[in-house]
Amino acid sequence: MQHTIHKGYKFATTIADLTHHRVYDVIEGKSRNLVESKLMSYKGRDRVKVVCMDLSSSYRSIVRRCFPKAKIVADRFHVIRLVLYHFMEF
């Protein structure tokens, strides 16, 4: 999950274990190199089965490289936001 640390200034990427409801890591920043290098350092990446994330294509490509066996699932918040956005256009 990507979020701002301080509105409009710094971004962070939160890595969480959704099964056990725990924050695993917070990566300050959102640059491709920073996030990918941090994720590549995780042990057991090949055992990750599911990654829930926003609809960002850049994050999707990072996840595919870092967690090759994981299925990618779009998180509910971003899916609902996208649907509502398209309904508001009418």
PDB file of N, CA and C in Angstrom:
ATOM      1  N   MET A   1       0.841  -1.160   0.000  1.00  0.00           N
ATOM      2  CA  MET A   1       0.000   0.000   0.000  1.00  0.00           C
ATOM      3  C   MET A   1       0.894   1.232   0.000  1.00  0.00           C
ATOM      4  N   GLN A   2       0.573   2.181  -0.823  1.00  0.00           N
ATOM      5  CA  GLN A   2       1.336   3.421  -0.910  1.00  0.00           C
ATOM      6  C   GLN A   2       0.538   4.506  -0.207  1.00  0.00           C
ATOM      7  N   HIS A   3       1.197   5.356   0.553  1.00  0.00           N
ATOM      8  CA  HIS A   3       0.502   6.440   1.236  1.00  0.00           C
ATOM      9  C   HIS A   3       1.474   7.566   1.511  1.00  0.00           C
ATOM     10  N   THR A   4       0.931   8.743   1.850  1.00  0.00           N
ATOM     11  CA  THR A   4       1.804   9.865   2.180  1.00  0.00           C
ATOM     12  C   THR A   4       2.125   9.829   3.663  1.00  0.00           C
ATOM     13  N   ILE A   5       3.344  10.179   3.974  1.00  0.00           N
ATOM     14  CA  ILE A   5       3.754  10.292   5.366  1.00  0.00           C
ATOM     15  C   ILE A   5       3.282  11.642   5.895  1.00  0.00           C
ATOM     16  N   HIS A   6       3.472  12.665   5.090  1.00  0.00           N
ATOM     17  CA  HIS A   6       3.026  14.004   5.442  1.00  0.00           C
ATOM     18  C   HIS A   6       2.386  14.566   4.180  1.00  0.00           C
ATOM     19  N   LYS A   7       1.130  14.848   4.220  1.00  0.00           N
ATOM     20  CA  LYS A   7       0.326  15.224   3.054  1.00  0.00           C
ATOM     21  C   LYS A   7       1.099  16.079   2.048  1.00  0.00           C
ATOM     22  N   GLY A   8       1.297  15.511   0.870  1.00  0.00           N
ATOM     23  CA  GLY A   8       1.918  16.246  -0.213  1.00  0.00           C
ATOM     24  C   GLY A   8       3.436  16.256  -0.225  1.00  0.00           C
ATOM     25  N   TYR A   9       4.080  15.607   0.711  1.00  0.00           N
ATOM     26  CA  TYR A   9       5.535  15.684   0.770  1.00  0.00           C
ATOM     27  C   TYR A   9       6.226  14.355   0.521  1.00  0.00           C
ATOM     28  N   LYS A  10       6.139  13.428   1.468  1.00  0.00           N
ATOM     29  CA  LYS A  10       6.860  12.175   1.340  1.00  0.00           C
ATOM     30  C   LYS A  10       5.891  11.010   1.199  1.00  0.00           C
ATOM     31  N   PHE A  11       6.305  10.037   0.417  1.00  0.00           N
ATOM     32  CA  PHE A  11       5.503   8.831   0.233  1.00  0.00           C
ATOM     33  C   PHE A  11       6.167   7.662   0.937  1.00  0.00           C
ATOM     34  N   ALA A  12       5.347   6.680   1.269  1.00  0.00           N
ATOM     35  CA  ALA A  12       5.863   5.449   1.852  1.00  0.00           C
ATOM     36  C   ALA A  12       5.070   4.291   1.264  1.00  0.00           C
ATOM     37  N   THR A  13       5.710   3.153   1.173  1.00  0.00           N
ATOM     38  CA  THR A  13       5.074   1.931   0.723  1.00  0.00           C
ATOM     39  C   THR A  13       5.042   0.985   1.912  1.00  0.00           C
ATOM     40  N   THR A  14       3.842   0.564   2.299  1.00  0.00           N
ATOM     41  CA  THR A  14       3.690  -0.308   3.457  1.00  0.00           C
ATOM     42  C   THR A  14       3.546  -1.746   2.990  1.00  0.00           C
ATOM     43  N   ILE A  15       4.330  -2.613   3.591  1.00  0.00           N
ATOM     44  CA  ILE A  15       4.269  -4.042   3.305  1.00  0.00           C
ATOM     45  C   ILE A  15       3.636  -4.687   4.533  1.00  0.00           C
ATOM     46  N   ALA A  16       2.506  -5.368   4.331  1.00  0.00           N
ATOM     47  CA  ALA A  16       1.778  -5.937   5.467  1.00  0.00           C
ATOM     48  C   ALA A  16       1.455  -7.406   5.235  1.00  0.00           C
ATOM     49  N   ASP A  17       1.363  -8.126   6.317  1.00  0.00           N
ATOM     50  CA  ASP A  17       0.905  -9.512   6.311  1.00  0.00           C
ATOM     51  C   ASP A  17      -0.589  -9.445   6.615  1.00  0.00           C
ATOM     52  N   LEU A  18      -1.420  -9.578   5.593  1.00  0.00           N
ATOM     53  CA  LEU A  18      -2.863  -9.429   5.769  1.00  0.00           C
ATOM     54  C   LEU A  18      -3.485 -10.603   6.503  1.00  0.00           C
ATOM     55  N   THR A  19      -2.847 -11.756   6.458  1.00  0.00           N
ATOM     56  CA  THR A  19      -3.361 -12.924   7.169  1.00  0.00           C
ATOM     57  C   THR A  19      -3.273 -12.727   8.685  1.00  0.00           C
ATOM     58  N   HIS A  20      -2.149 -12.176   9.130  1.00  0.00           N
ATOM     59  CA  HIS A  20      -1.920 -11.995  10.566  1.00  0.00           C
ATOM     60  C   HIS A  20      -2.120 -10.549  11.024  1.00  0.00           C
ATOM     61  N   HIS A  21      -2.558  -9.686  10.104  1.00  0.00           N
ATOM     62  CA  HIS A  21      -2.860  -8.275  10.421  1.00  0.00           C
ATOM     63  C   HIS A  21      -1.664  -7.559  11.065  1.00  0.00           C
ATOM     64  N   ARG A  22      -0.503  -7.680  10.409  1.00  0.00           N
ATOM     65  CA  ARG A  22       0.714  -7.051  10.916  1.00  0.00           C
ATOM     66  C   ARG A  22       1.417  -6.283   9.811  1.00  0.00           C
ATOM     67  N   VAL A  23       1.964  -5.140  10.176  1.00  0.00           N
ATOM     68  CA  VAL A  23       2.820  -4.404   9.246  1.00  0.00           C
ATOM     69  C   VAL A  23       4.179  -5.087   9.270  1.00  0.00           C
ATOM     70  N   TYR A  24       4.633  -5.480   8.090  1.00  0.00           N
ATOM     71  CA  TYR A  24       5.909  -6.179   7.966  1.00  0.00           C
ATOM     72  C   TYR A  24       7.056  -5.180   7.791  1.00  0.00           C
ATOM     73  N   ASP A  25       6.796  -4.144   6.986  1.00  0.00           N
ATOM     74  CA  ASP A  25       7.844  -3.167   6.696  1.00  0.00           C
ATOM     75  C   ASP A  25       7.202  -1.902   6.149  1.00  0.00           C
ATOM     76  N   VAL A  26       7.883  -0.780   6.304  1.00  0.00           N
ATOM     77  CA  VAL A  26       7.485   0.475   5.682  1.00  0.00           C
ATOM     78  C   VAL A  26       8.700   0.976   4.922  1.00  0.00           C
ATOM     79  N   ILE A  27       8.534   1.119   3.620  1.00  0.00           N
ATOM     80  CA  ILE A  27       9.623   1.582   2.761  1.00  0.00           C
ATOM     81  C   ILE A  27       9.365   3.045   2.468  1.00  0.00           C
ATOM     82  N   GLU A  28      10.244   3.913   2.972  1.00  0.00           N
ATOM     83  CA  GLU A  28      10.048   5.341   2.744  1.00  0.00           C
ATOM     84  C   GLU A  28      10.387   5.653   1.294  1.00  0.00           C
ATOM     85  N   GLY A  29       9.427   6.200   0.579  1.00  0.00           N
ATOM     86  CA  GLY A  29       9.592   6.513  -0.828  1.00  0.00           C
ATOM     87  C   GLY A  29       8.788   5.560  -1.695  1.00  0.00           C
ATOM     88  N   LYS A  30       8.726   5.882  -2.979  1.00  0.00           N
ATOM     89  CA  LYS A  30       7.966   5.040  -3.898  1.00  0.00           C
ATOM     90  C   LYS A  30       8.693   4.806  -5.218  1.00  0.00           C
ATOM     91  N   SER A  31       9.963   5.156  -5.273  1.00  0.00           N
ATOM     92  CA  SER A  31      10.696   4.981  -6.527  1.00  0.00           C
ATOM     93  C   SER A  31      10.863   3.493  -6.829  1.00  0.00           C
ATOM     94  N   ARG A  32      10.832   3.187  -8.094  1.00  0.00           N
ATOM     95  CA  ARG A  32      10.925   1.795  -8.557  1.00  0.00           C
ATOM     96  C   ARG A  32      12.176   1.107  -8.009  1.00  0.00           C
ATOM     97  N   ASN A  33      13.333   1.755  -8.134  1.00  0.00           N
ATOM     98  CA  ASN A  33      14.591   1.149  -7.686  1.00  0.00           C
ATOM     99  C   ASN A  33      14.597   0.910  -6.183  1.00  0.00           C
ATOM    100  N   LEU A  34      14.109   1.879  -5.431  1.00  0.00           N
ATOM    101  CA  LEU A  34      14.089   1.762  -3.978  1.00  0.00           C
ATOM    102  C   LEU A  34      13.189   0.619  -3.520  1.00  0.00           C
ATOM    103  N   VAL A  35      11.958   0.591  -4.017  1.00  0.00           N
ATOM    104  CA  VAL A  35      10.995  -0.437  -3.607  1.00  0.00           C
ATOM    105  C   VAL A  35      11.454  -1.819  -4.069  1.00  0.00           C
ATOM    106  N   GLU A  36      11.877  -1.920  -5.318  1.00  0.00           N
ATOM    107  CA  GLU A  36      12.290  -3.223  -5.839  1.00  0.00           C
ATOM    108  C   GLU A  36      13.510  -3.773  -5.109  1.00  0.00           C
ATOM    109  N   SER A  37      14.509  -2.933  -4.854  1.00  0.00           N
ATOM    110  CA  SER A  37      15.709  -3.433  -4.169  1.00  0.00           C
ATOM    111  C   SER A  37      15.374  -3.889  -2.752  1.00  0.00           C
ATOM    112  N   LYS A  38      14.482  -3.178  -2.079  1.00  0.00           N
ATOM    113  CA  LYS A  38      14.081  -3.586  -0.725  1.00  0.00           C
ATOM    114  C   LYS A  38      13.321  -4.914  -0.762  1.00  0.00           C
ATOM    115  N   LEU A  39      12.380  -5.045  -1.693  1.00  0.00           N
ATOM    116  CA  LEU A  39      11.610  -6.287  -1.786  1.00  0.00           C
ATOM    117  C   LEU A  39      12.499  -7.465  -2.168  1.00  0.00           C
ATOM    118  N   MET A  40      13.474  -7.240  -3.018  1.00  0.00           N
ATOM    119  CA  MET A  40      14.376  -8.318  -3.425  1.00  0.00           C
ATOM    120  C   MET A  40      15.225  -8.821  -2.259  1.00  0.00           C
ATOM    121  N   SER A  41      15.373  -8.005  -1.230  1.00  0.00           N
ATOM    122  CA  SER A  41      16.179  -8.420  -0.075  1.00  0.00           C
ATOM    123  C   SER A  41      15.407  -9.323   0.893  1.00  0.00           C
ATOM    124  N   TYR A  42      14.101  -9.436   0.716  1.00  0.00           N
ATOM    125  CA  TYR A  42      13.291 -10.268   1.612  1.00  0.00           C
ATOM    126  C   TYR A  42      13.576 -11.748   1.401  1.00  0.00           C
ATOM    127  N   LYS A  43      13.737 -12.459   2.486  1.00  0.00           N
ATOM    128  CA  LYS A  43      13.896 -13.918   2.417  1.00  0.00           C
ATOM    129  C   LYS A  43      12.516 -14.543   2.242  1.00  0.00           C
ATOM    130  N   GLY A  44      12.442 -15.640   1.506  1.00  0.00           N
ATOM    131  CA  GLY A  44      11.179 -16.347   1.320  1.00  0.00           C
ATOM    132  C   GLY A  44      10.259 -15.745   0.279  1.00  0.00           C
ATOM    133  N   ARG A  45      10.782 -14.872  -0.575  1.00  0.00           N
ATOM    134  CA  ARG A  45       9.951 -14.252  -1.616  1.00  0.00           C
ATOM    135  C   ARG A  45       9.287 -15.294  -2.503  1.00  0.00           C
ATOM    136  N   ASP A  46       9.959 -16.402  -2.728  1.00  0.00           N
ATOM    137  CA  ASP A  46       9.435 -17.443  -3.614  1.00  0.00           C
ATOM    138  C   ASP A  46       8.273 -18.216  -2.983  1.00  0.00           C
ATOM    139  N   ARG A  47       8.025 -18.005  -1.689  1.00  0.00           N
ATOM    140  CA  ARG A  47       6.911 -18.694  -1.018  1.00  0.00           C
ATOM    141  C   ARG A  47       5.661 -17.829  -0.889  1.00  0.00           C
ATOM    142  N   VAL A  48       5.742 -16.564  -1.306  1.00  0.00           N
ATOM    143  CA  VAL A  48       4.584 -15.663  -1.233  1.00  0.00           C
ATOM    144  C   VAL A  48       3.555 -16.115  -2.257  1.00  0.00           C
ATOM    145  N   LYS A  49       2.306 -16.303  -1.810  1.00  0.00           N
ATOM    146  CA  LYS A  49       1.255 -16.829  -2.681  1.00  0.00           C
ATOM    147  C   LYS A  49       0.345 -15.755  -3.251  1.00  0.00           C
ATOM    148  N   VAL A  50       0.088 -14.683  -2.478  1.00  0.00           N
ATOM    149  CA  VAL A  50      -0.839 -13.643  -2.919  1.00  0.00           C
ATOM    150  C   VAL A  50      -0.286 -12.280  -2.523  1.00  0.00           C
ATOM    151  N   VAL A  51      -0.400 -11.318  -3.429  1.00  0.00           N
ATOM    152  CA  VAL A  51      -0.054  -9.931  -3.138  1.00  0.00           C
ATOM    153  C   VAL A  51      -1.278  -9.091  -3.450  1.00  0.00           C
ATOM    154  N   CYS A  52      -1.758  -8.353  -2.459  1.00  0.00           N
ATOM    155  CA  CYS A  52      -2.892  -7.451  -2.625  1.00  0.00           C
ATOM    156  C   CYS A  52      -2.330  -6.038  -2.741  1.00  0.00           C
ATOM    157  N   MET A  53      -2.713  -5.328  -3.789  1.00  0.00           N
ATOM    158  CA  MET A  53      -2.111  -4.019  -4.051  1.00  0.00           C
ATOM    159  C   MET A  53      -3.062  -3.116  -4.815  1.00  0.00           C
ATOM    160  N   ASP A  54      -2.640  -1.866  -5.010  1.00  0.00           N
ATOM    161  CA  ASP A  54      -3.449  -0.957  -5.814  1.00  0.00           C
ATOM    162  C   ASP A  54      -3.322  -1.334  -7.289  1.00  0.00           C
ATOM    163  N   LEU A  55      -3.866  -0.544  -8.167  1.00  0.00           N
ATOM    164  CA  LEU A  55      -3.916  -0.899  -9.584  1.00  0.00           C
ATOM    165  C   LEU A  55      -2.745  -0.328 -10.391  1.00  0.00           C
ATOM    166  N   SER A  56      -1.693   0.071  -9.737  1.00  0.00           N
ATOM    167  CA  SER A  56      -0.538   0.668 -10.390  1.00  0.00           C
ATOM    168  C   SER A  56       0.211  -0.348 -11.253  1.00  0.00           C
ATOM    169  N   SER A  57       0.399  -0.011 -12.514  1.00  0.00           N
ATOM    170  CA  SER A  57       1.117  -0.926 -13.409  1.00  0.00           C
ATOM    171  C   SER A  57       2.595  -1.020 -13.046  1.00  0.00           C
ATOM    172  N   SER A  58       3.171   0.065 -12.524  1.00  0.00           N
ATOM    173  CA  SER A  58       4.583   0.007 -12.146  1.00  0.00           C
ATOM    174  C   SER A  58       4.789  -0.905 -10.939  1.00  0.00           C
ATOM    175  N   TYR A  59       3.891  -0.838  -9.956  1.00  0.00           N
ATOM    176  CA  TYR A  59       3.985  -1.751  -8.812  1.00  0.00           C
ATOM    177  C   TYR A  59       3.738  -3.188  -9.256  1.00  0.00           C
ATOM    178  N   ARG A  60       2.822  -3.380 -10.192  1.00  0.00           N
ATOM    179  CA  ARG A  60       2.527  -4.728 -10.678  1.00  0.00           C
ATOM    180  C   ARG A  60       3.780  -5.374 -11.280  1.00  0.00           C
ATOM    181  N   SER A  61       4.529  -4.619 -12.061  1.00  0.00           N
ATOM    182  CA  SER A  61       5.737  -5.189 -12.664  1.00  0.00           C
ATOM    183  C   SER A  61       6.798  -5.486 -11.603  1.00  0.00           C
ATOM    184  N   ILE A  62       6.888  -4.655 -10.566  1.00  0.00           N
ATOM    185  CA  ILE A  62       7.822  -4.908  -9.469  1.00  0.00           C
ATOM    186  C   ILE A  62       7.428  -6.188  -8.742  1.00  0.00           C
ATOM    187  N   VAL A  63       6.137  -6.334  -8.449  1.00  0.00           N
ATOM    188  CA  VAL A  63       5.641  -7.512  -7.736  1.00  0.00           C
ATOM    189  C   VAL A  63       5.901  -8.780  -8.546  1.00  0.00           C
ATOM    190  N   ARG A  64       5.695  -8.713  -9.840  1.00  0.00           N
ATOM    191  CA  ARG A  64       5.939  -9.896 -10.682  1.00  0.00           C
ATOM    192  C   ARG A  64       7.388 -10.348 -10.613  1.00  0.00           C
ATOM    193  N   ARG A  65       8.311  -9.390 -10.577  1.00  0.00           N
ATOM    194  CA  ARG A  65       9.731  -9.739 -10.500  1.00  0.00           C
ATOM    195  C   ARG A  65      10.125 -10.221  -9.101  1.00  0.00           C
ATOM    196  N   CYS A  66       9.608  -9.563  -8.078  1.00  0.00           N
ATOM    197  CA  CYS A  66      10.031  -9.863  -6.709  1.00  0.00           C
ATOM    198  C   CYS A  66       9.327 -11.078  -6.107  1.00  0.00           C
ATOM    199  N   PHE A  67       8.101 -11.329  -6.532  1.00  0.00           N
ATOM    200  CA  PHE A  67       7.317 -12.445  -6.003  1.00  0.00           C
ATOM    201  C   PHE A  67       6.789 -13.276  -7.171  1.00  0.00           C
ATOM    202  N   PRO A  68       7.662 -14.035  -7.824  1.00  0.00           N
ATOM    203  CA  PRO A  68       7.316 -14.702  -9.082  1.00  0.00           C
ATOM    204  C   PRO A  68       6.178 -15.718  -8.995  1.00  0.00           C
ATOM    205  N   LYS A  69       5.909 -16.285  -7.834  1.00  0.00           N
ATOM    206  CA  LYS A  69       4.857 -17.294  -7.715  1.00  0.00           C
ATOM    207  C   LYS A  69       3.541 -16.723  -7.174  1.00  0.00           C
ATOM    208  N   ALA A  70       3.517 -15.437  -6.875  1.00  0.00           N
ATOM    209  CA  ALA A  70       2.342 -14.833  -6.245  1.00  0.00           C
ATOM    210  C   ALA A  70       1.279 -14.424  -7.259  1.00  0.00           C
ATOM    211  N   LYS A  71       0.029 -14.602  -6.865  1.00  0.00           N
ATOM    212  CA  LYS A  71      -1.086 -14.046  -7.630  1.00  0.00           C
ATOM    213  C   LYS A  71      -1.276 -12.612  -7.164  1.00  0.00           C
ATOM    214  N   ILE A  72      -1.573 -11.723  -8.095  1.00  0.00           N
ATOM    215  CA  ILE A  72      -1.776 -10.316  -7.767  1.00  0.00           C
ATOM    216  C   ILE A  72      -3.278 -10.061  -7.705  1.00  0.00           C
ATOM    217  N   VAL A  73      -3.709  -9.490  -6.578  1.00  0.00           N
ATOM    218  CA  VAL A  73      -5.120  -9.193  -6.348  1.00  0.00           C
ATOM    219  C   VAL A  73      -5.248  -7.693  -6.097  1.00  0.00           C
ATOM    220  N   ALA A  74      -6.194  -7.047  -6.773  1.00  0.00           N
ATOM    221  CA  ALA A  74      -6.423  -5.613  -6.565  1.00  0.00           C
ATOM    222  C   ALA A  74      -7.154  -5.405  -5.243  1.00  0.00           C
ATOM    223  N   ASP A  75      -6.712  -4.401  -4.484  1.00  0.00           N
ATOM    224  CA  ASP A  75      -7.360  -4.157  -3.201  1.00  0.00           C
ATOM    225  C   ASP A  75      -8.727  -3.508  -3.398  1.00  0.00           C
ATOM    226  N   ARG A  76      -9.617  -3.793  -2.478  1.00  0.00           N
ATOM    227  CA  ARG A  76     -11.017  -3.372  -2.563  1.00  0.00           C
ATOM    228  C   ARG A  76     -11.157  -1.857  -2.679  1.00  0.00           C
ATOM    229  N   PHE A  77     -10.405  -1.101  -1.896  1.00  0.00           N
ATOM    230  CA  PHE A  77     -10.517   0.358  -1.901  1.00  0.00           C
ATOM    231  C   PHE A  77     -10.311   0.926  -3.301  1.00  0.00           C
ATOM    232  N   HIS A  78      -9.242   0.521  -3.972  1.00  0.00           N
ATOM    233  CA  HIS A  78      -8.933   1.080  -5.283  1.00  0.00           C
ATOM    234  C   HIS A  78      -9.909   0.609  -6.359  1.00  0.00           C
ATOM    235  N   VAL A  79     -10.412  -0.607  -6.247  1.00  0.00           N
ATOM    236  CA  VAL A  79     -11.404  -1.092  -7.204  1.00  0.00           C
ATOM    237  C   VAL A  79     -12.698  -0.285  -7.068  1.00  0.00           C
ATOM    238  N   ILE A  80     -13.168  -0.101  -5.848  1.00  0.00           N
ATOM    239  CA  ILE A  80     -14.400   0.659  -5.619  1.00  0.00           C
ATOM    240  C   ILE A  80     -14.215   2.105  -6.056  1.00  0.00           C
ATOM    241  N   ARG A  81     -13.055   2.693  -5.753  1.00  0.00           N
ATOM    242  CA  ARG A  81     -12.788   4.069  -6.178  1.00  0.00           C
ATOM    243  C   ARG A  81     -12.837   4.206  -7.693  1.00  0.00           C
ATOM    244  N   LEU A  82     -12.269   3.234  -8.403  1.00  0.00           N
ATOM    245  CA  LEU A  82     -12.278   3.260  -9.862  1.00  0.00           C
ATOM    246  C   LEU A  82     -13.699   3.144 -10.409  1.00  0.00           C
ATOM    247  N   VAL A  83     -14.491   2.234  -9.860  1.00  0.00           N
ATOM    248  CA  VAL A  83     -15.872   2.073 -10.292  1.00  0.00           C
ATOM    249  C   VAL A  83     -16.672   3.347 -10.034  1.00  0.00           C
ATOM    250  N   LEU A  84     -16.544   3.905  -8.841  1.00  0.00           N
ATOM    251  CA  LEU A  84     -17.265   5.152  -8.515  1.00  0.00           C
ATOM    252  C   LEU A  84     -16.850   6.293  -9.427  1.00  0.00           C
ATOM    253  N   TYR A  85     -15.568   6.378  -9.735  1.00  0.00           N
ATOM    254  CA  TYR A  85     -15.068   7.418 -10.633  1.00  0.00           C
ATOM    255  C   TYR A  85     -15.766   7.337 -11.985  1.00  0.00           C
ATOM    256  N   HIS A  86     -15.916   6.124 -12.520  1.00  0.00           N
ATOM    257  CA  HIS A  86     -16.553   5.964 -13.827  1.00  0.00           C
ATOM    258  C   HIS A  86     -18.054   6.236 -13.757  1.00  0.00           C
ATOM    259  N   PHE A  87     -18.687   5.929 -12.638  1.00  0.00           N
ATOM    260  CA  PHE A  87     -20.111   6.260 -12.492  1.00  0.00           C
ATOM    261  C   PHE A  87     -20.319   7.762 -12.407  1.00  0.00           C
ATOM    262  N   MET A  88     -19.390   8.463 -11.808  1.00  0.00           N
ATOM    263  CA  MET A  88     -19.508   9.911 -11.648  1.00  0.00           C
ATOM    264  C   MET A  88     -19.344  10.641 -12.982  1.00  0.00           C
ATOM    265  N   GLU A  89     -18.769   9.997 -13.975  1.00  0.00           N
ATOM    266  CA  GLU A  89     -18.597  10.630 -15.281  1.00  0.00           C
ATOM    267  C   GLU A  89     -19.910  10.811 -16.018  1.00  0.00           C
ATOM    268  N   PHE A  90     -20.925   9.988 -15.673  1.00  0.00           N
ATOM    269  CA  PHE A  90     -22.212  10.073 -16.378  1.00  0.00           C
ATOM    270  C   PHE A  90     -23.085  11.159 -15.878  1.00  0.00           C
TER     271      PHE A  90
END
